[in-house]
Amino acid sequence: MKKISIMINGLPGNVARTMAAAGIADDRFLVMPYSLTGQDIPETTTMIGKIKFSLVKPDTRNEKIKEIFAQYPFFIAVDYTHPSAVNENALFYTQNNIPFVMGTTGGNREELEKTVHNAAAPAVIAPNMAKQIVGLQAMMTYAAQTFPGLFKGYCLEVKESHQQGKADTSGTAKAMVGYFNELGADFKVEEIQQIRDPQIQATQWGIPKEHLSGHGWHTYTLKAEDGSSLFEFKHNINGRDIYVSGTFDAVVYLKEKALLKGNKRRLFTMIDVMNQS
């Protein structure tokens, strides 16, 4: 099998570093020594294993992409950058006909989807690349469609804890709120409680200290108005390794879609990926 060239964008960020290291160790992929990064990143290069990555900033990438294409005529971008860069990056990918996996949350998601629909190259977009959580979301979708209003009259509380550097509200938490709304809970995304204080995470939540710099703990609590019943859903993730498998499955899936002649569909989700795995 010919290796798939992938460009891991978001270095030197932690998630991108995890993806790059895993990609280097995976025989299916050729990890390119380039990574799109933010204008405010002081470094121009970073090392992961034995590979020296050139960090490509917004003010140089339109020129740099010509050099990259000369070496790698076809590749798939894996985006784990910053929420503020989501839409700009998606536009860059589509303008240059680059298939991409968008693992970054945030940005204007409606605009993001519109950008892909109008593009020539396909993309996989999901608020969470962990297959187990995607499966949970699929179950929630089924419940919402099959039992609408099931929790009508219940009060919902949503708490999500992530590393201090996470700039936005969890995309997964936002999606879960949507399902609970369909199930009858009256709750707004703005009411999600973000926990970013390491001291609170360690002392009150019990998150292991070694994972304070990389975790995703979510709790969804539903209470009846009279206090007679309570339902609680949790998913606690330590580290970032769980996101690797789903992301790379999406890359392999996307390559097949990108090379499939006559395929007019452009936008795919992790549900599409998992149905084909």
C-alpha atoms as a PDB file:
ATOM      1  CA  MET A   1       0.000   0.000   0.000  1.00  0.00           C
ATOM      2  CA  LYS A   2       1.350   3.379  -0.984  1.00  0.00           C
ATOM      3  CA  LYS A   3       1.709   5.677   1.988  1.00  0.00           C
ATOM      4  CA  ILE A   4      -0.710   8.574   2.335  1.00  0.00           C
ATOM      5  CA  SER A   5       1.023  11.924   2.653  1.00  0.00           C
ATOM      6  CA  ILE A   6      -0.433  13.924   5.535  1.00  0.00           C
ATOM      7  CA  MET A   7       0.213  17.454   6.729  1.00  0.00           C
ATOM      8  CA  ILE A   8      -0.386  17.810  10.464  1.00  0.00           C
ATOM      9  CA  ASN A   9      -1.363  21.414  11.108  1.00  0.00           C
ATOM     10  CA  GLY A  10      -1.281  23.098  14.507  1.00  0.00           C
ATOM     11  CA  LEU A  11       2.280  22.430  15.606  1.00  0.00           C
ATOM     12  CA  PRO A  12       3.799  23.036  18.073  1.00  0.00           C
ATOM     13  CA  GLY A  13       0.437  22.538  19.834  1.00  0.00           C
ATOM     14  CA  ASN A  14      -0.041  19.479  22.027  1.00  0.00           C
ATOM     15  CA  VAL A  15      -2.758  17.710  20.028  1.00  0.00           C
ATOM     16  CA  ALA A  16      -0.895  18.240  16.769  1.00  0.00           C
ATOM     17  CA  ARG A  17       2.276  16.883  18.394  1.00  0.00           C
ATOM     18  CA  THR A  18       0.396  13.760  19.470  1.00  0.00           C
ATOM     19  CA  MET A  19      -0.931  13.307  15.928  1.00  0.00           C
ATOM     20  CA  ALA A  20       2.454  13.887  14.323  1.00  0.00           C
ATOM     21  CA  ALA A  21       4.239  11.422  16.599  1.00  0.00           C
ATOM     22  CA  ALA A  22       1.566   8.784  15.999  1.00  0.00           C
ATOM     23  CA  GLY A  23       1.620   9.416  12.252  1.00  0.00           C
ATOM     24  CA  ILE A  24       5.387   8.998  12.089  1.00  0.00           C
ATOM     25  CA  ALA A  25       5.041   5.609  13.799  1.00  0.00           C
ATOM     26  CA  ASP A  26       2.201   4.488  11.485  1.00  0.00           C
ATOM     27  CA  ASP A  27       3.282   2.668   8.313  1.00  0.00           C
ATOM     28  CA  ARG A  28       0.207   3.898   6.440  1.00  0.00           C
ATOM     29  CA  PHE A  29       1.361   7.508   6.438  1.00  0.00           C
ATOM     30  CA  LEU A  30       4.124   9.774   5.267  1.00  0.00           C
ATOM     31  CA  VAL A  31       4.139  12.745   7.623  1.00  0.00           C
ATOM     32  CA  MET A  32       5.214  15.864   5.757  1.00  0.00           C
ATOM     33  CA  PRO A  33       7.799  18.143   7.447  1.00  0.00           C
ATOM     34  CA  TYR A  34       5.477  21.165   7.264  1.00  0.00           C
ATOM     35  CA  SER A  35       2.757  22.458   9.566  1.00  0.00           C
ATOM     36  CA  LEU A  36       0.475  25.480   9.395  1.00  0.00           C
ATOM     37  CA  THR A  37       0.692  27.463  12.604  1.00  0.00           C
ATOM     38  CA  GLY A  38      -0.377  30.795  14.077  1.00  0.00           C
ATOM     39  CA  GLN A  39       1.192  34.153  13.312  1.00  0.00           C
ATOM     40  CA  ASP A  40       1.976  34.618  17.004  1.00  0.00           C
ATOM     41  CA  ILE A  41       4.091  31.456  17.292  1.00  0.00           C
ATOM     42  CA  PRO A  42       7.711  32.607  17.823  1.00  0.00           C
ATOM     43  CA  GLU A  43       9.305  29.399  16.538  1.00  0.00           C
ATOM     44  CA  THR A  44       9.963  28.753  12.853  1.00  0.00           C
ATOM     45  CA  THR A  45      10.711  25.023  13.278  1.00  0.00           C
ATOM     46  CA  THR A  46      10.002  22.232  15.747  1.00  0.00           C
ATOM     47  CA  MET A  47      11.351  18.707  16.162  1.00  0.00           C
ATOM     48  CA  ILE A  48       9.243  15.585  16.644  1.00  0.00           C
ATOM     49  CA  GLY A  49      11.295  12.442  16.721  1.00  0.00           C
ATOM     50  CA  LYS A  50      13.836  12.746  13.951  1.00  0.00           C
ATOM     51  CA  ILE A  51      11.713  15.048  11.782  1.00  0.00           C
ATOM     52  CA  LYS A  52      12.282  18.786  11.714  1.00  0.00           C
ATOM     53  CA  PHE A  53       9.022  20.537  10.881  1.00  0.00           C
ATOM     54  CA  SER A  54       8.890  23.894   9.153  1.00  0.00           C
ATOM     55  CA  LEU A  55       6.180  26.031  10.749  1.00  0.00           C
ATOM     56  CA  VAL A  56       4.251  27.877   8.058  1.00  0.00           C
ATOM     57  CA  LYS A  57       2.566  31.071   9.200  1.00  0.00           C
ATOM     58  CA  PRO A  58      -0.427  32.827   7.604  1.00  0.00           C
ATOM     59  CA  ASP A  59       1.642  35.588   6.006  1.00  0.00           C
ATOM     60  CA  THR A  60       3.826  33.098   4.084  1.00  0.00           C
ATOM     61  CA  ARG A  61       1.607  30.106   3.410  1.00  0.00           C
ATOM     62  CA  ASN A  62       0.196  31.246   0.049  1.00  0.00           C
ATOM     63  CA  GLU A  63       3.732  31.299  -1.316  1.00  0.00           C
ATOM     64  CA  LYS A  64       4.937  28.254   0.654  1.00  0.00           C
ATOM     65  CA  ILE A  65       2.155  26.024  -0.644  1.00  0.00           C
ATOM     66  CA  LYS A  66       3.736  26.102  -4.110  1.00  0.00           C
ATOM     67  CA  GLU A  67       6.910  24.585  -2.685  1.00  0.00           C
ATOM     68  CA  ILE A  68       4.889  22.007  -0.759  1.00  0.00           C
ATOM     69  CA  PHE A  69       2.875  20.920  -3.809  1.00  0.00           C
ATOM     70  CA  ALA A  70       6.087  20.533  -5.798  1.00  0.00           C
ATOM     71  CA  GLN A  71       7.160  17.852  -3.316  1.00  0.00           C
ATOM     72  CA  TYR A  72       3.755  16.398  -2.448  1.00  0.00           C
ATOM     73  CA  PRO A  73       1.281  16.680  -5.367  1.00  0.00           C
ATOM     74  CA  PHE A  74      -1.458  14.997  -3.297  1.00  0.00           C
ATOM     75  CA  PHE A  75      -1.826  15.087   0.474  1.00  0.00           C
ATOM     76  CA  ILE A  76      -4.468  15.307   3.178  1.00  0.00           C
ATOM     77  CA  ALA A  77      -4.386  18.028   5.827  1.00  0.00           C
ATOM     78  CA  VAL A  78      -5.146  17.179   9.452  1.00  0.00           C
ATOM     79  CA  ASP A  79      -6.189  20.320  11.302  1.00  0.00           C
ATOM     80  CA  TYR A  80      -5.670  20.660  15.051  1.00  0.00           C
ATOM     81  CA  THR A  81      -4.985  24.378  15.164  1.00  0.00           C
ATOM     82  CA  HIS A  82      -6.861  27.114  17.059  1.00  0.00           C
ATOM     83  CA  PRO A  83     -10.620  27.826  17.057  1.00  0.00           C
ATOM     84  CA  SER A  84      -9.990  31.312  15.643  1.00  0.00           C
ATOM     85  CA  ALA A  85      -8.289  29.771  12.590  1.00  0.00           C
ATOM     86  CA  VAL A  86     -10.960  27.213  11.647  1.00  0.00           C
ATOM     87  CA  ASN A  87     -12.740  29.146   8.912  1.00  0.00           C
ATOM     88  CA  GLU A  88      -9.650  30.775   7.469  1.00  0.00           C
ATOM     89  CA  ASN A  89      -7.864  27.425   7.298  1.00  0.00           C
ATOM     90  CA  ALA A  90     -10.845  25.698   5.695  1.00  0.00           C
ATOM     91  CA  LEU A  91     -10.933  28.394   3.034  1.00  0.00           C
ATOM     92  CA  PHE A  92      -7.205  27.933   2.426  1.00  0.00           C
ATOM     93  CA  TYR A  93      -7.643  24.169   2.006  1.00  0.00           C
ATOM     94  CA  THR A  94     -10.574  24.476  -0.377  1.00  0.00           C
ATOM     95  CA  GLN A  95      -8.944  27.200  -2.464  1.00  0.00           C
ATOM     96  CA  ASN A  96      -5.943  24.908  -2.932  1.00  0.00           C
ATOM     97  CA  ASN A  97      -8.018  21.747  -3.472  1.00  0.00           C
ATOM     98  CA  ILE A  98      -6.631  20.056  -0.347  1.00  0.00           C
ATOM     99  CA  PRO A  99      -8.812  17.356   1.289  1.00  0.00           C
ATOM    100  CA  PHE A 100      -8.820  17.881   5.044  1.00  0.00           C
ATOM    101  CA  VAL A 101      -9.843  16.440   8.394  1.00  0.00           C
ATOM    102  CA  MET A 102     -11.027  19.216  10.701  1.00  0.00           C
ATOM    103  CA  GLY A 103     -10.475  18.140  14.290  1.00  0.00           C
ATOM    104  CA  THR A 104     -10.339  21.709  15.588  1.00  0.00           C
ATOM    105  CA  THR A 105     -13.504  22.866  17.339  1.00  0.00           C
ATOM    106  CA  GLY A 106     -14.905  26.389  17.315  1.00  0.00           C
ATOM    107  CA  GLY A 107     -15.240  28.841  14.491  1.00  0.00           C
ATOM    108  CA  ASN A 108     -18.429  29.444  12.542  1.00  0.00           C
ATOM    109  CA  ARG A 109     -19.575  25.881  11.855  1.00  0.00           C
ATOM    110  CA  GLU A 110     -22.320  26.860   9.403  1.00  0.00           C
ATOM    111  CA  GLU A 111     -19.819  28.838   7.379  1.00  0.00           C
ATOM    112  CA  LEU A 112     -17.377  25.940   7.605  1.00  0.00           C
ATOM    113  CA  GLU A 113     -19.892  23.504   6.150  1.00  0.00           C
ATOM    114  CA  LYS A 114     -20.869  25.956   3.430  1.00  0.00           C
ATOM    115  CA  THR A 115     -17.215  26.350   2.466  1.00  0.00           C
ATOM    116  CA  VAL A 116     -16.859  22.583   2.033  1.00  0.00           C
ATOM    117  CA  HIS A 117     -20.136  22.195   0.135  1.00  0.00           C
ATOM    118  CA  ASN A 118     -18.887  24.720  -2.422  1.00  0.00           C
ATOM    119  CA  ALA A 119     -15.446  23.114  -2.741  1.00  0.00           C
ATOM    120  CA  ALA A 120     -13.936  20.547  -5.084  1.00  0.00           C
ATOM    121  CA  ALA A 121     -12.076  18.607  -2.386  1.00  0.00           C
ATOM    122  CA  PRO A 122     -13.860  16.617   0.350  1.00  0.00           C
ATOM    123  CA  ALA A 123     -13.496  17.003   4.113  1.00  0.00           C
ATOM    124  CA  VAL A 124     -14.322  15.138   7.303  1.00  0.00           C
ATOM    125  CA  ILE A 125     -15.563  17.489  10.007  1.00  0.00           C
ATOM    126  CA  ALA A 126     -16.478  16.452  13.544  1.00  0.00           C
ATOM    127  CA  PRO A 127     -16.494  18.125  16.968  1.00  0.00           C
ATOM    128  CA  ASN A 128     -14.863  14.987  18.351  1.00  0.00           C
ATOM    129  CA  MET A 129     -12.666  12.395  16.647  1.00  0.00           C
ATOM    130  CA  ALA A 130     -12.823   9.806  19.462  1.00  0.00           C
ATOM    131  CA  LYS A 131     -14.828   6.939  17.996  1.00  0.00           C
ATOM    132  CA  GLN A 132     -16.349   5.913  21.318  1.00  0.00           C
ATOM    133  CA  ILE A 133     -17.705   9.417  21.917  1.00  0.00           C
ATOM    134  CA  VAL A 134     -18.959   9.590  18.337  1.00  0.00           C
ATOM    135  CA  GLY A 135     -20.776   6.333  19.033  1.00  0.00           C
ATOM    136  CA  LEU A 136     -22.334   7.885  22.139  1.00  0.00           C
ATOM    137  CA  GLN A 137     -23.469  10.838  20.040  1.00  0.00           C
ATOM    138  CA  ALA A 138     -25.028   8.438  17.536  1.00  0.00           C
ATOM    139  CA  MET A 139     -26.974   6.813  20.385  1.00  0.00           C
ATOM    140  CA  MET A 140     -28.083  10.246  21.564  1.00  0.00           C
ATOM    141  CA  THR A 141     -29.232  11.088  18.033  1.00  0.00           C
ATOM    142  CA  TYR A 142     -31.311   7.903  17.950  1.00  0.00           C
ATOM    143  CA  ALA A 143     -32.846   8.685  21.350  1.00  0.00           C
ATOM    144  CA  ALA A 144     -33.652  12.259  20.380  1.00  0.00           C
ATOM    145  CA  GLN A 145     -35.331  11.182  17.147  1.00  0.00           C
ATOM    146  CA  THR A 146     -37.171   8.226  18.667  1.00  0.00           C
ATOM    147  CA  PHE A 147     -38.217   9.678  22.023  1.00  0.00           C
ATOM    148  CA  PRO A 148     -38.573  13.452  21.569  1.00  0.00           C
ATOM    149  CA  GLY A 149     -39.561  15.225  24.761  1.00  0.00           C
ATOM    150  CA  LEU A 150     -38.514  12.285  26.957  1.00  0.00           C
ATOM    151  CA  PHE A 151     -36.937  14.606  29.545  1.00  0.00           C
ATOM    152  CA  LYS A 152     -39.401  17.479  29.261  1.00  0.00           C
ATOM    153  CA  GLY A 153     -39.629  19.312  32.575  1.00  0.00           C
ATOM    154  CA  TYR A 154     -36.220  18.131  33.746  1.00  0.00           C
ATOM    155  CA  CYS A 155     -33.461  20.582  34.650  1.00  0.00           C
ATOM    156  CA  LEU A 156     -30.163  20.038  32.844  1.00  0.00           C
ATOM    157  CA  GLU A 157     -26.703  20.896  34.157  1.00  0.00           C
ATOM    158  CA  VAL A 158     -23.661  20.554  31.903  1.00  0.00           C
ATOM    159  CA  LYS A 159     -20.071  20.773  33.113  1.00  0.00           C
ATOM    160  CA  GLU A 160     -17.009  20.241  30.942  1.00  0.00           C
ATOM    161  CA  SER A 161     -13.395  20.294  32.084  1.00  0.00           C
ATOM    162  CA  HIS A 162     -10.469  20.656  29.693  1.00  0.00           C
ATOM    163  CA  GLN A 163      -6.856  21.746  29.950  1.00  0.00           C
ATOM    164  CA  GLN A 164      -6.299  25.386  30.830  1.00  0.00           C
ATOM    165  CA  GLY A 165      -5.171  26.255  27.304  1.00  0.00           C
ATOM    166  CA  LYS A 166      -8.423  25.211  25.606  1.00  0.00           C
ATOM    167  CA  ALA A 167      -9.823  28.474  24.305  1.00  0.00           C
ATOM    168  CA  ASP A 168     -13.414  27.537  23.454  1.00  0.00           C
ATOM    169  CA  THR A 169     -16.362  25.627  24.857  1.00  0.00           C
ATOM    170  CA  SER A 170     -16.228  21.939  23.998  1.00  0.00           C
ATOM    171  CA  GLY A 171     -17.822  21.191  20.639  1.00  0.00           C
ATOM    172  CA  THR A 172     -18.925  17.825  21.987  1.00  0.00           C
ATOM    173  CA  ALA A 173     -20.703  19.468  24.915  1.00  0.00           C
ATOM    174  CA  LYS A 174     -22.485  21.810  22.501  1.00  0.00           C
ATOM    175  CA  ALA A 175     -23.598  18.864  20.383  1.00  0.00           C
ATOM    176  CA  MET A 176     -24.845  16.981  23.452  1.00  0.00           C
ATOM    177  CA  VAL A 177     -26.888  20.004  24.510  1.00  0.00           C
ATOM    178  CA  GLY A 178     -28.599  19.846  21.133  1.00  0.00           C
ATOM    179  CA  TYR A 179     -29.624  16.233  21.719  1.00  0.00           C
ATOM    180  CA  PHE A 180     -30.909  16.984  25.221  1.00  0.00           C
ATOM    181  CA  ASN A 181     -32.909  19.912  23.857  1.00  0.00           C
ATOM    182  CA  GLU A 182     -34.613  17.540  21.409  1.00  0.00           C
ATOM    183  CA  LEU A 183     -35.290  15.241  24.351  1.00  0.00           C
ATOM    184  CA  GLY A 184     -37.172  18.075  26.054  1.00  0.00           C
ATOM    185  CA  ALA A 185     -34.600  19.796  28.262  1.00  0.00           C
ATOM    186  CA  ASP A 186     -34.669  23.593  28.094  1.00  0.00           C
ATOM    187  CA  PHE A 187     -31.001  24.535  28.100  1.00  0.00           C
ATOM    188  CA  LYS A 188     -28.778  27.012  26.238  1.00  0.00           C
ATOM    189  CA  VAL A 189     -25.225  26.400  25.084  1.00  0.00           C
ATOM    190  CA  GLU A 190     -24.195  29.547  26.966  1.00  0.00           C
ATOM    191  CA  GLU A 191     -25.127  27.818  30.231  1.00  0.00           C
ATOM    192  CA  ILE A 192     -22.418  25.159  29.843  1.00  0.00           C
ATOM    193  CA  GLN A 193     -19.991  25.425  32.758  1.00  0.00           C
ATOM    194  CA  GLN A 194     -16.381  25.513  31.582  1.00  0.00           C
ATOM    195  CA  ILE A 195     -13.800  24.321  34.083  1.00  0.00           C
ATOM    196  CA  ARG A 196     -10.265  25.445  33.212  1.00  0.00           C
ATOM    197  CA  ASP A 197      -8.681  25.960  36.659  1.00  0.00           C
ATOM    198  CA  PRO A 198      -6.130  23.168  37.340  1.00  0.00           C
ATOM    199  CA  GLN A 199      -6.560  23.479  41.095  1.00  0.00           C
ATOM    200  CA  ILE A 200     -10.316  22.943  40.889  1.00  0.00           C
ATOM    201  CA  GLN A 201      -9.794  20.120  38.396  1.00  0.00           C
ATOM    202  CA  ALA A 202      -7.387  18.328  40.716  1.00  0.00           C
ATOM    203  CA  THR A 203      -9.061  18.915  44.080  1.00  0.00           C
ATOM    204  CA  GLN A 204     -12.769  18.973  43.237  1.00  0.00           C
ATOM    205  CA  TRP A 205     -12.943  16.816  40.120  1.00  0.00           C
ATOM    206  CA  GLY A 206     -10.184  14.360  40.983  1.00  0.00           C
ATOM    207  CA  ILE A 207      -8.500  14.596  37.609  1.00  0.00           C
ATOM    208  CA  PRO A 208      -5.030  12.976  37.793  1.00  0.00           C
ATOM    209  CA  LYS A 209      -2.297  15.593  37.941  1.00  0.00           C
ATOM    210  CA  GLU A 210      -0.451  14.035  35.021  1.00  0.00           C
ATOM    211  CA  HIS A 211      -3.497  14.696  32.815  1.00  0.00           C
ATOM    212  CA  LEU A 212      -4.314  18.268  33.842  1.00  0.00           C
ATOM    213  CA  SER A 213      -2.518  19.444  30.694  1.00  0.00           C
ATOM    214  CA  GLY A 214      -4.602  17.201  28.457  1.00  0.00           C
ATOM    215  CA  HIS A 215      -8.042  15.810  29.287  1.00  0.00           C
ATOM    216  CA  GLY A 216     -11.760  16.066  28.571  1.00  0.00           C
ATOM    217  CA  TRP A 217     -14.169  15.291  31.412  1.00  0.00           C
ATOM    218  CA  HIS A 218     -17.879  15.909  30.812  1.00  0.00           C
ATOM    219  CA  THR A 219     -20.887  15.486  33.091  1.00  0.00           C
ATOM    220  CA  TYR A 220     -24.528  15.906  32.030  1.00  0.00           C
ATOM    221  CA  THR A 221     -27.028  15.838  34.902  1.00  0.00           C
ATOM    222  CA  LEU A 222     -30.814  15.755  34.495  1.00  0.00           C
ATOM    223  CA  LYS A 223     -33.037  16.338  37.535  1.00  0.00           C
ATOM    224  CA  ALA A 224     -36.813  16.115  37.803  1.00  0.00           C
ATOM    225  CA  GLU A 225     -38.463  19.323  38.995  1.00  0.00           C
ATOM    226  CA  ASP A 226     -39.720  17.663  42.182  1.00  0.00           C
ATOM    227  CA  GLY A 227     -36.335  16.070  42.878  1.00  0.00           C
ATOM    228  CA  SER A 228     -37.730  12.553  42.648  1.00  0.00           C
ATOM    229  CA  SER A 229     -35.346  11.354  39.948  1.00  0.00           C
ATOM    230  CA  LEU A 230     -31.902  12.079  38.617  1.00  0.00           C
ATOM    231  CA  PHE A 231     -30.052  10.861  35.531  1.00  0.00           C
ATOM    232  CA  GLU A 232     -26.360  11.460  34.915  1.00  0.00           C
ATOM    233  CA  PHE A 233     -24.195  10.845  31.859  1.00  0.00           C
ATOM    234  CA  LYS A 234     -20.402  11.063  31.934  1.00  0.00           C
ATOM    235  CA  HIS A 235     -17.456  10.606  29.622  1.00  0.00           C
ATOM    236  CA  ASN A 236     -13.984  11.188  31.047  1.00  0.00           C
ATOM    237  CA  ILE A 237     -10.968  11.130  28.752  1.00  0.00           C
ATOM    238  CA  ASN A 238      -7.390  11.386  30.001  1.00  0.00           C
ATOM    239  CA  GLY A 239      -4.694  12.285  27.496  1.00  0.00           C
ATOM    240  CA  ARG A 240      -5.086  12.635  23.742  1.00  0.00           C
ATOM    241  CA  ASP A 241      -4.338   9.182  22.374  1.00  0.00           C
ATOM    242  CA  ILE A 242      -8.036   8.310  21.998  1.00  0.00           C
ATOM    243  CA  TYR A 243      -8.341  10.893  19.208  1.00  0.00           C
ATOM    244  CA  VAL A 244      -5.562   9.389  17.078  1.00  0.00           C
ATOM    245  CA  SER A 245      -7.375   6.285  15.839  1.00  0.00           C
ATOM    246  CA  GLY A 246     -10.495   8.162  14.715  1.00  0.00           C
ATOM    247  CA  THR A 247      -8.478  10.898  13.035  1.00  0.00           C
ATOM    248  CA  PHE A 248      -6.401   8.434  11.036  1.00  0.00           C
ATOM    249  CA  ASP A 249      -9.479   6.395  10.086  1.00  0.00           C
ATOM    250  CA  ALA A 250     -10.885   9.660   8.733  1.00  0.00           C
ATOM    251  CA  VAL A 251      -7.710  10.252   6.698  1.00  0.00           C
ATOM    252  CA  VAL A 252      -7.909   6.814   5.066  1.00  0.00           C
ATOM    253  CA  TYR A 253     -11.634   7.275   4.395  1.00  0.00           C
ATOM    254  CA  LEU A 254     -11.038  10.714   2.932  1.00  0.00           C
ATOM    255  CA  LYS A 255      -8.369   9.460   0.541  1.00  0.00           C
ATOM    256  CA  GLU A 256     -10.865   7.007  -0.922  1.00  0.00           C
ATOM    257  CA  LYS A 257     -13.479   9.739  -1.340  1.00  0.00           C
ATOM    258  CA  ALA A 258     -10.985  12.185  -2.841  1.00  0.00           C
ATOM    259  CA  LEU A 259      -9.894   9.683  -5.503  1.00  0.00           C
ATOM    260  CA  LEU A 260     -13.385   8.356  -6.251  1.00  0.00           C
ATOM    261  CA  LYS A 261     -14.440   9.660  -9.647  1.00  0.00           C
ATOM    262  CA  GLY A 262     -17.954  10.989  -9.963  1.00  0.00           C
ATOM    263  CA  ASN A 263     -18.378  11.542  -6.234  1.00  0.00           C
ATOM    264  CA  LYS A 264     -20.258  14.811  -5.781  1.00  0.00           C
ATOM    265  CA  ARG A 265     -20.566  14.708  -2.011  1.00  0.00           C
ATOM    266  CA  ARG A 266     -17.978  16.837  -0.211  1.00  0.00           C
ATOM    267  CA  LEU A 267     -18.868  16.954   3.480  1.00  0.00           C
ATOM    268  CA  PHE A 268     -18.500  13.877   5.690  1.00  0.00           C
ATOM    269  CA  THR A 269     -18.722  13.196   9.422  1.00  0.00           C
ATOM    270  CA  MET A 270     -17.174  10.660  11.772  1.00  0.00           C
ATOM    271  CA  ILE A 271     -20.422   8.689  11.573  1.00  0.00           C
ATOM    272  CA  ASP A 272     -19.718   8.237   7.846  1.00  0.00           C
ATOM    273  CA  VAL A 273     -16.165   7.153   8.659  1.00  0.00           C
ATOM    274  CA  MET A 274     -17.254   4.641  11.308  1.00  0.00           C
ATOM    275  CA  ASN A 275     -19.937   3.132   9.075  1.00  0.00           C
ATOM    276  CA  GLN A 276     -17.192   2.278   6.598  1.00  0.00           C
ATOM    277  CA  SER A 277     -14.555   1.114   9.113  1.00  0.00           C
END
